[in-house]
Amino acid sequence: MTVKTIAEYQAEGNSPEILFWVGCAGSFDARAQKVTRALCEILEHAGVAFAILGNEERCTGDPARRAGNEFLFQMTAAMNIETLNMYGVKKIVTACPHCFNVLKNEYPTLGGHYEVVHHTQLLNELIRDGKLKLKEGGEFKGKRITYHDSCYLGRANDMYEAPRALLEALDVDLVEMKRSRKNGLCCGAGGAQMWKEDEPGDKRINIERVEDALETDPGAVAANCPFCLTMLQDGLKAKEKNEQIPVYDLSEMILTRL
């Protein structure tokens, strides 16, 4: 699989429809790399002209800002905005809600004005426009699946329907956790918690969230965020349920039905 960089597009005198912001997790984390690949395969299948920044992509600076290092955030964001504006980027898709939130809501004040969509939104758009046709049946049809609302897609951006619409398109048996949508519980990785030790307490928050999921007696857990994937898988492993109950990103589920 060869994914062009935006620099390669421009060298040919062309511009992509959309820039795929891969993100740090999608680039370096082995689990999240599978999601990156799945989304690229779907976009290629749908005939979407997309590009990545490649080595010109830096971290958005989101973890630095959440951890309180505003100087590092502003410096990183300014470099990214300079790169994006140099290439005349108009539309960005990302599979990471953290990247989505910061690019959409926090970059504009620094001069970065783009149409930013989460991959669940884009996949819904492609299905609705007939560019992505799903085969009948598939391994998820009728399967009992629970869905975890990530904080930066759900409460932070009020996006609850796009992921559920994809699950509906897959014909799954969606069983909601008692804490979902606006009342959803964080998996424990948000707000730069991914990069630090737990605070003292009786129970890890990802264990608490996995217990919510297990109460629904699911055959699998669906998520939309690389950090949530890690935390949910670790929680299931601690409960010795990771072999029976897999955790999927929605793009991986869609890919099986193309």
C-alpha atoms as a PDB file:
ATOM      1  CA  MET A   1       0.000   0.000   0.000  1.00  0.00           C
ATOM      2  CA  THR A   2       1.444   3.347  -1.055  1.00  0.00           C
ATOM      3  CA  VAL A   3      -0.053   6.502   0.422  1.00  0.00           C
ATOM      4  CA  LYS A   4       1.103   9.736  -1.172  1.00  0.00           C
ATOM      5  CA  THR A   5       2.275  12.702   0.825  1.00  0.00           C
ATOM      6  CA  ILE A   6       0.790  16.087   0.073  1.00  0.00           C
ATOM      7  CA  ALA A   7       4.239  17.190  -1.126  1.00  0.00           C
ATOM      8  CA  GLU A   8       4.167  14.408  -3.759  1.00  0.00           C
ATOM      9  CA  TYR A   9       0.698  15.500  -4.880  1.00  0.00           C
ATOM     10  CA  GLN A  10       1.830  19.083  -5.318  1.00  0.00           C
ATOM     11  CA  ALA A  11       4.979  18.022  -7.161  1.00  0.00           C
ATOM     12  CA  GLU A  12       2.633  16.466  -9.739  1.00  0.00           C
ATOM     13  CA  GLY A  13       0.602  19.673  -9.906  1.00  0.00           C
ATOM     14  CA  ASN A  14      -2.394  18.181  -8.072  1.00  0.00           C
ATOM     15  CA  SER A  15      -4.137  18.649  -4.747  1.00  0.00           C
ATOM     16  CA  PRO A  16      -5.863  15.944  -2.675  1.00  0.00           C
ATOM     17  CA  GLU A  17      -9.528  16.240  -1.658  1.00  0.00           C
ATOM     18  CA  ILE A  18      -8.614  15.637   1.940  1.00  0.00           C
ATOM     19  CA  LEU A  19      -5.596  15.451   4.241  1.00  0.00           C
ATOM     20  CA  PHE A  20      -5.470  12.465   6.582  1.00  0.00           C
ATOM     21  CA  TRP A  21      -3.961  13.617   9.882  1.00  0.00           C
ATOM     22  CA  VAL A  22      -2.461  10.346  11.140  1.00  0.00           C
ATOM     23  CA  GLY A  23      -1.484  11.520  14.629  1.00  0.00           C
ATOM     24  CA  CYS A  24       1.160  10.214  17.024  1.00  0.00           C
ATOM     25  CA  ALA A  25      -0.776   7.103  18.084  1.00  0.00           C
ATOM     26  CA  GLY A  26      -1.725   6.247  14.502  1.00  0.00           C
ATOM     27  CA  SER A  27       1.926   6.554  13.475  1.00  0.00           C
ATOM     28  CA  PHE A  28       3.801   4.903  16.330  1.00  0.00           C
ATOM     29  CA  ASP A  29       1.437   2.686  18.343  1.00  0.00           C
ATOM     30  CA  ALA A  30       1.210  -0.849  16.920  1.00  0.00           C
ATOM     31  CA  ARG A  31      -2.505  -1.194  17.722  1.00  0.00           C
ATOM     32  CA  ALA A  32      -3.432   2.218  16.323  1.00  0.00           C
ATOM     33  CA  GLN A  33      -1.395   1.556  13.161  1.00  0.00           C
ATOM     34  CA  LYS A  34      -3.995  -1.089  12.256  1.00  0.00           C
ATOM     35  CA  VAL A  35      -6.679   1.609  12.381  1.00  0.00           C
ATOM     36  CA  THR A  36      -4.548   3.905  10.219  1.00  0.00           C
ATOM     37  CA  ARG A  37      -4.179   1.150   7.643  1.00  0.00           C
ATOM     38  CA  ALA A  38      -7.894   0.269   7.754  1.00  0.00           C
ATOM     39  CA  LEU A  39      -8.914   3.876   7.121  1.00  0.00           C
ATOM     40  CA  CYS A  40      -6.432   4.207   4.238  1.00  0.00           C
ATOM     41  CA  GLU A  41      -7.787   1.019   2.632  1.00  0.00           C
ATOM     42  CA  ILE A  42     -11.364   2.299   2.959  1.00  0.00           C
ATOM     43  CA  LEU A  43     -10.499   5.693   1.437  1.00  0.00           C
ATOM     44  CA  GLU A  44      -8.692   3.999  -1.466  1.00  0.00           C
ATOM     45  CA  HIS A  45     -11.653   1.664  -1.989  1.00  0.00           C
ATOM     46  CA  ALA A  46     -14.027   4.660  -2.071  1.00  0.00           C
ATOM     47  CA  GLY A  47     -11.819   6.487  -4.587  1.00  0.00           C
ATOM     48  CA  VAL A  48     -11.086   9.406  -2.266  1.00  0.00           C
ATOM     49  CA  ALA A  49      -8.000  11.410  -3.260  1.00  0.00           C
ATOM     50  CA  PHE A  50      -6.248  11.777   0.078  1.00  0.00           C
ATOM     51  CA  ALA A  51      -2.737  12.511   1.262  1.00  0.00           C
ATOM     52  CA  ILE A  52      -0.726  12.576   4.479  1.00  0.00           C
ATOM     53  CA  LEU A  53       1.948  14.996   5.649  1.00  0.00           C
ATOM     54  CA  GLY A  54       4.419  12.180   6.296  1.00  0.00           C
ATOM     55  CA  ASN A  55       7.560  13.399   8.025  1.00  0.00           C
ATOM     56  CA  GLU A  56       6.187  16.946   8.038  1.00  0.00           C
ATOM     57  CA  GLU A  57       3.453  16.009  10.509  1.00  0.00           C
ATOM     58  CA  ARG A  58       4.187  16.807  14.151  1.00  0.00           C
ATOM     59  CA  CYS A  59       2.124  16.101  17.257  1.00  0.00           C
ATOM     60  CA  THR A  60      -0.804  18.537  17.409  1.00  0.00           C
ATOM     61  CA  GLY A  61       0.445  19.681  20.811  1.00  0.00           C
ATOM     62  CA  ASP A  62      -2.763  18.548  22.523  1.00  0.00           C
ATOM     63  CA  PRO A  63      -1.078  16.442  25.256  1.00  0.00           C
ATOM     64  CA  ALA A  64       1.245  19.349  26.073  1.00  0.00           C
ATOM     65  CA  ARG A  65      -1.680  21.758  26.520  1.00  0.00           C
ATOM     66  CA  ARG A  66      -3.671  19.276  28.638  1.00  0.00           C
ATOM     67  CA  ALA A  67      -0.613  18.725  30.832  1.00  0.00           C
ATOM     68  CA  GLY A  68      -0.219  22.485  31.298  1.00  0.00           C
ATOM     69  CA  ASN A  69       2.719  23.215  28.981  1.00  0.00           C
ATOM     70  CA  GLU A  70       1.099  26.048  27.009  1.00  0.00           C
ATOM     71  CA  PHE A  71       4.391  27.256  25.529  1.00  0.00           C
ATOM     72  CA  LEU A  72       5.120  23.860  23.942  1.00  0.00           C
ATOM     73  CA  PHE A  73       1.537  23.635  22.629  1.00  0.00           C
ATOM     74  CA  GLN A  74       1.678  27.065  20.977  1.00  0.00           C
ATOM     75  CA  MET A  75       5.092  26.386  19.454  1.00  0.00           C
ATOM     76  CA  THR A  76       4.037  22.981  18.044  1.00  0.00           C
ATOM     77  CA  ALA A  77       0.672  24.252  16.782  1.00  0.00           C
ATOM     78  CA  ALA A  78       2.294  27.245  15.069  1.00  0.00           C
ATOM     79  CA  MET A  79       4.674  24.955  13.152  1.00  0.00           C
ATOM     80  CA  ASN A  80       1.805  22.672  12.092  1.00  0.00           C
ATOM     81  CA  ILE A  81      -0.346  25.603  10.977  1.00  0.00           C
ATOM     82  CA  GLU A  82       2.528  27.014   8.937  1.00  0.00           C
ATOM     83  CA  THR A  83       2.902  23.639   7.167  1.00  0.00           C
ATOM     84  CA  LEU A  84      -0.843  23.186   6.578  1.00  0.00           C
ATOM     85  CA  ASN A  85      -1.287  26.727   5.266  1.00  0.00           C
ATOM     86  CA  MET A  86       1.752  26.386   3.013  1.00  0.00           C
ATOM     87  CA  TYR A  87       0.045  23.421   1.302  1.00  0.00           C
ATOM     88  CA  GLY A  88      -3.323  25.187   1.186  1.00  0.00           C
ATOM     89  CA  VAL A  89      -5.069  22.432   3.171  1.00  0.00           C
ATOM     90  CA  LYS A  90      -8.842  22.904   3.342  1.00  0.00           C
ATOM     91  CA  LYS A  91     -10.220  19.639   4.764  1.00  0.00           C
ATOM     92  CA  ILE A  92      -8.694  17.276   7.338  1.00  0.00           C
ATOM     93  CA  VAL A  93      -9.814  13.849   8.558  1.00  0.00           C
ATOM     94  CA  THR A  94      -8.397  12.172  11.636  1.00  0.00           C
ATOM     95  CA  ALA A  95      -9.098   8.892  13.436  1.00  0.00           C
ATOM     96  CA  CYS A  96      -8.131  10.416  16.799  1.00  0.00           C
ATOM     97  CA  PRO A  97     -10.731  12.464  18.716  1.00  0.00           C
ATOM     98  CA  HIS A  98      -7.940  14.313  20.555  1.00  0.00           C
ATOM     99  CA  CYS A  99      -6.429  15.496  17.250  1.00  0.00           C
ATOM    100  CA  PHE A 100      -9.945  16.194  15.940  1.00  0.00           C
ATOM    101  CA  ASN A 101     -10.833  18.386  18.912  1.00  0.00           C
ATOM    102  CA  VAL A 102      -7.660  20.464  18.947  1.00  0.00           C
ATOM    103  CA  LEU A 103      -7.498  20.956  15.154  1.00  0.00           C
ATOM    104  CA  LYS A 104     -11.188  21.876  14.970  1.00  0.00           C
ATOM    105  CA  ASN A 105     -11.631  23.998  18.085  1.00  0.00           C
ATOM    106  CA  GLU A 106      -8.239  25.317  19.174  1.00  0.00           C
ATOM    107  CA  TYR A 107      -6.185  25.854  15.999  1.00  0.00           C
ATOM    108  CA  PRO A 108      -8.487  28.608  14.592  1.00  0.00           C
ATOM    109  CA  THR A 109      -7.420  31.093  17.309  1.00  0.00           C
ATOM    110  CA  LEU A 110      -3.822  30.575  16.130  1.00  0.00           C
ATOM    111  CA  GLY A 111      -4.629  31.046  12.432  1.00  0.00           C
ATOM    112  CA  GLY A 112      -5.415  27.462  11.434  1.00  0.00           C
ATOM    113  CA  HIS A 113      -8.844  27.452   9.770  1.00  0.00           C
ATOM    114  CA  TYR A 114      -9.799  24.070   8.276  1.00  0.00           C
ATOM    115  CA  GLU A 115     -12.825  21.840   7.866  1.00  0.00           C
ATOM    116  CA  VAL A 116     -12.014  19.051  10.313  1.00  0.00           C
ATOM    117  CA  VAL A 117     -13.959  15.773  10.388  1.00  0.00           C
ATOM    118  CA  HIS A 118     -13.606  12.650  12.471  1.00  0.00           C
ATOM    119  CA  HIS A 119     -13.300   9.429  10.494  1.00  0.00           C
ATOM    120  CA  THR A 120     -16.718   8.235  11.706  1.00  0.00           C
ATOM    121  CA  GLN A 121     -18.276  11.342  10.127  1.00  0.00           C
ATOM    122  CA  LEU A 122     -16.423  10.819   6.852  1.00  0.00           C
ATOM    123  CA  LEU A 123     -17.316   7.121   6.668  1.00  0.00           C
ATOM    124  CA  ASN A 124     -20.989   7.968   7.179  1.00  0.00           C
ATOM    125  CA  GLU A 125     -20.749  10.607   4.455  1.00  0.00           C
ATOM    126  CA  LEU A 126     -19.213   8.082   2.024  1.00  0.00           C
ATOM    127  CA  ILE A 127     -21.909   5.490   2.773  1.00  0.00           C
ATOM    128  CA  ARG A 128     -24.678   8.089   2.429  1.00  0.00           C
ATOM    129  CA  ASP A 129     -23.288   9.327  -0.917  1.00  0.00           C
ATOM    130  CA  GLY A 130     -23.036   5.772  -2.270  1.00  0.00           C
ATOM    131  CA  LYS A 131     -19.227   5.897  -2.576  1.00  0.00           C
ATOM    132  CA  LEU A 132     -18.943   3.132  -0.006  1.00  0.00           C
ATOM    133  CA  LYS A 133     -21.185   0.131  -0.452  1.00  0.00           C
ATOM    134  CA  LEU A 134     -21.278  -2.511   2.260  1.00  0.00           C
ATOM    135  CA  LYS A 135     -21.776  -6.196   1.526  1.00  0.00           C
ATOM    136  CA  GLU A 136     -24.671  -8.018   3.123  1.00  0.00           C
ATOM    137  CA  GLY A 137     -24.076 -10.107   6.225  1.00  0.00           C
ATOM    138  CA  GLY A 138     -20.566 -10.156   7.632  1.00  0.00           C
ATOM    139  CA  GLU A 139     -19.189 -11.263  10.987  1.00  0.00           C
ATOM    140  CA  PHE A 140     -20.803  -8.394  12.899  1.00  0.00           C
ATOM    141  CA  LYS A 141     -24.368  -8.829  11.644  1.00  0.00           C
ATOM    142  CA  GLY A 142     -26.576  -9.470  14.684  1.00  0.00           C
ATOM    143  CA  LYS A 143     -23.553  -9.557  16.998  1.00  0.00           C
ATOM    144  CA  ARG A 144     -24.092  -8.150  20.489  1.00  0.00           C
ATOM    145  CA  ILE A 145     -21.783  -5.118  20.638  1.00  0.00           C
ATOM    146  CA  THR A 146     -21.470  -2.263  23.109  1.00  0.00           C
ATOM    147  CA  TYR A 147     -20.066   1.131  22.127  1.00  0.00           C
ATOM    148  CA  HIS A 148     -17.798   3.395  24.195  1.00  0.00           C
ATOM    149  CA  ASP A 149     -18.211   7.157  23.722  1.00  0.00           C
ATOM    150  CA  SER A 150     -14.786   8.795  23.748  1.00  0.00           C
ATOM    151  CA  CYS A 151     -14.705  12.067  25.717  1.00  0.00           C
ATOM    152  CA  TYR A 152     -13.353  14.281  22.940  1.00  0.00           C
ATOM    153  CA  LEU A 153     -15.890  13.085  20.401  1.00  0.00           C
ATOM    154  CA  GLY A 154     -18.837  12.807  22.767  1.00  0.00           C
ATOM    155  CA  ARG A 155     -19.044  15.360  25.561  1.00  0.00           C
ATOM    156  CA  ALA A 156     -16.453  17.734  24.085  1.00  0.00           C
ATOM    157  CA  ASN A 157     -17.984  17.881  20.580  1.00  0.00           C
ATOM    158  CA  ASP A 158     -21.506  16.500  21.072  1.00  0.00           C
ATOM    159  CA  MET A 159     -20.960  13.796  18.441  1.00  0.00           C
ATOM    160  CA  TYR A 160     -22.959  10.741  19.378  1.00  0.00           C
ATOM    161  CA  GLU A 161     -24.868   9.784  16.247  1.00  0.00           C
ATOM    162  CA  ALA A 162     -22.183   9.247  13.568  1.00  0.00           C
ATOM    163  CA  PRO A 163     -20.533   6.262  15.314  1.00  0.00           C
ATOM    164  CA  ARG A 164     -23.913   4.702  16.092  1.00  0.00           C
ATOM    165  CA  ALA A 165     -25.040   5.187  12.482  1.00  0.00           C
ATOM    166  CA  LEU A 166     -22.036   3.110  11.364  1.00  0.00           C
ATOM    167  CA  LEU A 167     -22.981   0.361  13.809  1.00  0.00           C
ATOM    168  CA  GLU A 168     -26.509   0.488  12.404  1.00  0.00           C
ATOM    169  CA  ALA A 169     -25.092   0.120   8.873  1.00  0.00           C
ATOM    170  CA  LEU A 170     -23.227  -2.977  10.086  1.00  0.00           C
ATOM    171  CA  ASP A 171     -26.512  -4.473  11.419  1.00  0.00           C
ATOM    172  CA  VAL A 172     -25.068  -5.111  14.876  1.00  0.00           C
ATOM    173  CA  ASP A 173     -27.150  -5.652  17.992  1.00  0.00           C
ATOM    174  CA  LEU A 174     -26.106  -2.467  19.820  1.00  0.00           C
ATOM    175  CA  VAL A 175     -26.386  -2.697  23.610  1.00  0.00           C
ATOM    176  CA  GLU A 176     -25.725   0.594  25.392  1.00  0.00           C
ATOM    177  CA  MET A 177     -23.784   0.797  28.647  1.00  0.00           C
ATOM    178  CA  LYS A 178     -25.592   2.354  31.606  1.00  0.00           C
ATOM    179  CA  ARG A 179     -23.169   5.298  31.298  1.00  0.00           C
ATOM    180  CA  SER A 180     -23.275   6.398  27.672  1.00  0.00           C
ATOM    181  CA  ARG A 181     -23.643   9.512  25.506  1.00  0.00           C
ATOM    182  CA  LYS A 182     -23.564  12.645  27.739  1.00  0.00           C
ATOM    183  CA  ASN A 183     -23.207  10.435  30.818  1.00  0.00           C
ATOM    184  CA  GLY A 184     -20.382   8.370  29.308  1.00  0.00           C
ATOM    185  CA  LEU A 185     -17.396   7.571  31.515  1.00  0.00           C
ATOM    186  CA  CYS A 186     -13.825   8.411  30.485  1.00  0.00           C
ATOM    187  CA  CYS A 187     -11.617   5.386  29.813  1.00  0.00           C
ATOM    188  CA  GLY A 188      -8.841   7.072  31.765  1.00  0.00           C
ATOM    189  CA  ALA A 189      -6.536   8.229  28.954  1.00  0.00           C
ATOM    190  CA  GLY A 190      -7.940  11.710  28.253  1.00  0.00           C
ATOM    191  CA  GLY A 191      -6.506  15.048  29.378  1.00  0.00           C
ATOM    192  CA  ALA A 192      -2.872  13.828  29.068  1.00  0.00           C
ATOM    193  CA  GLN A 193      -3.530  11.013  31.585  1.00  0.00           C
ATOM    194  CA  MET A 194      -2.046   8.633  28.991  1.00  0.00           C
ATOM    195  CA  TRP A 195       1.408  10.005  29.785  1.00  0.00           C
ATOM    196  CA  LYS A 196       1.479   9.882  33.588  1.00  0.00           C
ATOM    197  CA  GLU A 197       1.077   7.536  36.519  1.00  0.00           C
ATOM    198  CA  ASP A 198      -2.343   6.966  38.090  1.00  0.00           C
ATOM    199  CA  GLU A 199      -3.382   9.036  41.092  1.00  0.00           C
ATOM    200  CA  PRO A 200      -3.783   7.010  44.308  1.00  0.00           C
ATOM    201  CA  GLY A 201      -7.112   5.185  44.532  1.00  0.00           C
ATOM    202  CA  ASP A 202      -8.855   1.873  44.964  1.00  0.00           C
ATOM    203  CA  LYS A 203      -9.488   1.110  41.292  1.00  0.00           C
ATOM    204  CA  ARG A 204      -8.159   2.120  37.879  1.00  0.00           C
ATOM    205  CA  ILE A 205     -10.700   4.058  35.847  1.00  0.00           C
ATOM    206  CA  ASN A 206     -10.306   1.777  32.809  1.00  0.00           C
ATOM    207  CA  ILE A 207     -11.269  -1.190  35.013  1.00  0.00           C
ATOM    208  CA  GLU A 208     -14.380   0.732  36.090  1.00  0.00           C
ATOM    209  CA  ARG A 209     -15.239   1.419  32.439  1.00  0.00           C
ATOM    210  CA  VAL A 210     -14.654  -2.179  31.366  1.00  0.00           C
ATOM    211  CA  GLU A 211     -16.976  -3.324  34.150  1.00  0.00           C
ATOM    212  CA  ASP A 212     -19.665  -1.092  32.592  1.00  0.00           C
ATOM    213  CA  ALA A 213     -19.035  -2.824  29.260  1.00  0.00           C
ATOM    214  CA  LEU A 214     -19.082  -6.337  30.754  1.00  0.00           C
ATOM    215  CA  GLU A 215     -22.489  -5.672  32.343  1.00  0.00           C
ATOM    216  CA  THR A 216     -23.953  -5.562  28.811  1.00  0.00           C
ATOM    217  CA  ASP A 217     -22.629  -9.102  28.105  1.00  0.00           C
ATOM    218  CA  PRO A 218     -21.064  -8.029  24.773  1.00  0.00           C
ATOM    219  CA  GLY A 219     -19.484 -10.117  22.045  1.00  0.00           C
ATOM    220  CA  ALA A 220     -17.190  -7.167  21.279  1.00  0.00           C
ATOM    221  CA  VAL A 221     -16.595  -3.525  22.213  1.00  0.00           C
ATOM    222  CA  ALA A 222     -16.560  -0.770  19.572  1.00  0.00           C
ATOM    223  CA  ALA A 223     -14.568   2.443  20.000  1.00  0.00           C
ATOM    224  CA  ASN A 224     -13.358   5.363  17.897  1.00  0.00           C
ATOM    225  CA  CYS A 225     -10.150   6.529  19.591  1.00  0.00           C
ATOM    226  CA  PRO A 226      -6.624   5.029  19.726  1.00  0.00           C
ATOM    227  CA  PHE A 227      -6.248   5.842  23.425  1.00  0.00           C
ATOM    228  CA  CYS A 228      -9.631   4.301  24.265  1.00  0.00           C
ATOM    229  CA  LEU A 229      -8.628   1.132  22.360  1.00  0.00           C
ATOM    230  CA  THR A 230      -5.537   0.771  24.557  1.00  0.00           C
ATOM    231  CA  MET A 231      -7.314   1.472  27.842  1.00  0.00           C
ATOM    232  CA  LEU A 232     -10.265  -0.814  27.087  1.00  0.00           C
ATOM    233  CA  GLN A 233      -8.003  -3.660  25.938  1.00  0.00           C
ATOM    234  CA  ASP A 234      -5.849  -3.299  29.066  1.00  0.00           C
ATOM    235  CA  GLY A 235      -8.979  -3.321  31.243  1.00  0.00           C
ATOM    236  CA  LEU A 236     -10.302  -6.472  29.568  1.00  0.00           C
ATOM    237  CA  LYS A 237      -6.888  -8.095  29.967  1.00  0.00           C
ATOM    238  CA  ALA A 238      -6.950  -7.335  33.692  1.00  0.00           C
ATOM    239  CA  LYS A 239     -10.356  -9.029  33.843  1.00  0.00           C
ATOM    240  CA  GLU A 240      -9.003 -11.953  31.755  1.00  0.00           C
ATOM    241  CA  LYS A 241     -11.665 -11.294  29.116  1.00  0.00           C
ATOM    242  CA  ASN A 242      -9.460  -9.982  26.292  1.00  0.00           C
ATOM    243  CA  GLU A 243      -9.451 -13.333  24.453  1.00  0.00           C
ATOM    244  CA  GLN A 244     -13.266 -13.595  24.395  1.00  0.00           C
ATOM    245  CA  ILE A 245     -14.153  -9.910  23.917  1.00  0.00           C
ATOM    246  CA  PRO A 246     -12.182  -8.038  21.235  1.00  0.00           C
ATOM    247  CA  VAL A 247     -12.101  -4.228  20.976  1.00  0.00           C
ATOM    248  CA  TYR A 248     -12.485  -2.769  17.484  1.00  0.00           C
ATOM    249  CA  ASP A 249     -12.232   0.659  15.969  1.00  0.00           C
ATOM    250  CA  LEU A 250     -15.274   1.365  13.786  1.00  0.00           C
ATOM    251  CA  SER A 251     -13.110   1.655  10.653  1.00  0.00           C
ATOM    252  CA  GLU A 252     -11.826  -1.898  11.181  1.00  0.00           C
ATOM    253  CA  MET A 253     -15.421  -3.122  11.393  1.00  0.00           C
ATOM    254  CA  ILE A 254     -16.428  -1.280   8.204  1.00  0.00           C
ATOM    255  CA  LEU A 255     -13.392  -2.676   6.336  1.00  0.00           C
ATOM    256  CA  THR A 256     -14.633  -6.257   6.846  1.00  0.00           C
ATOM    257  CA  ARG A 257     -17.820  -5.458   4.905  1.00  0.00           C
ATOM    258  CA  LEU A 258     -16.336  -3.890   1.747  1.00  0.00           C
END
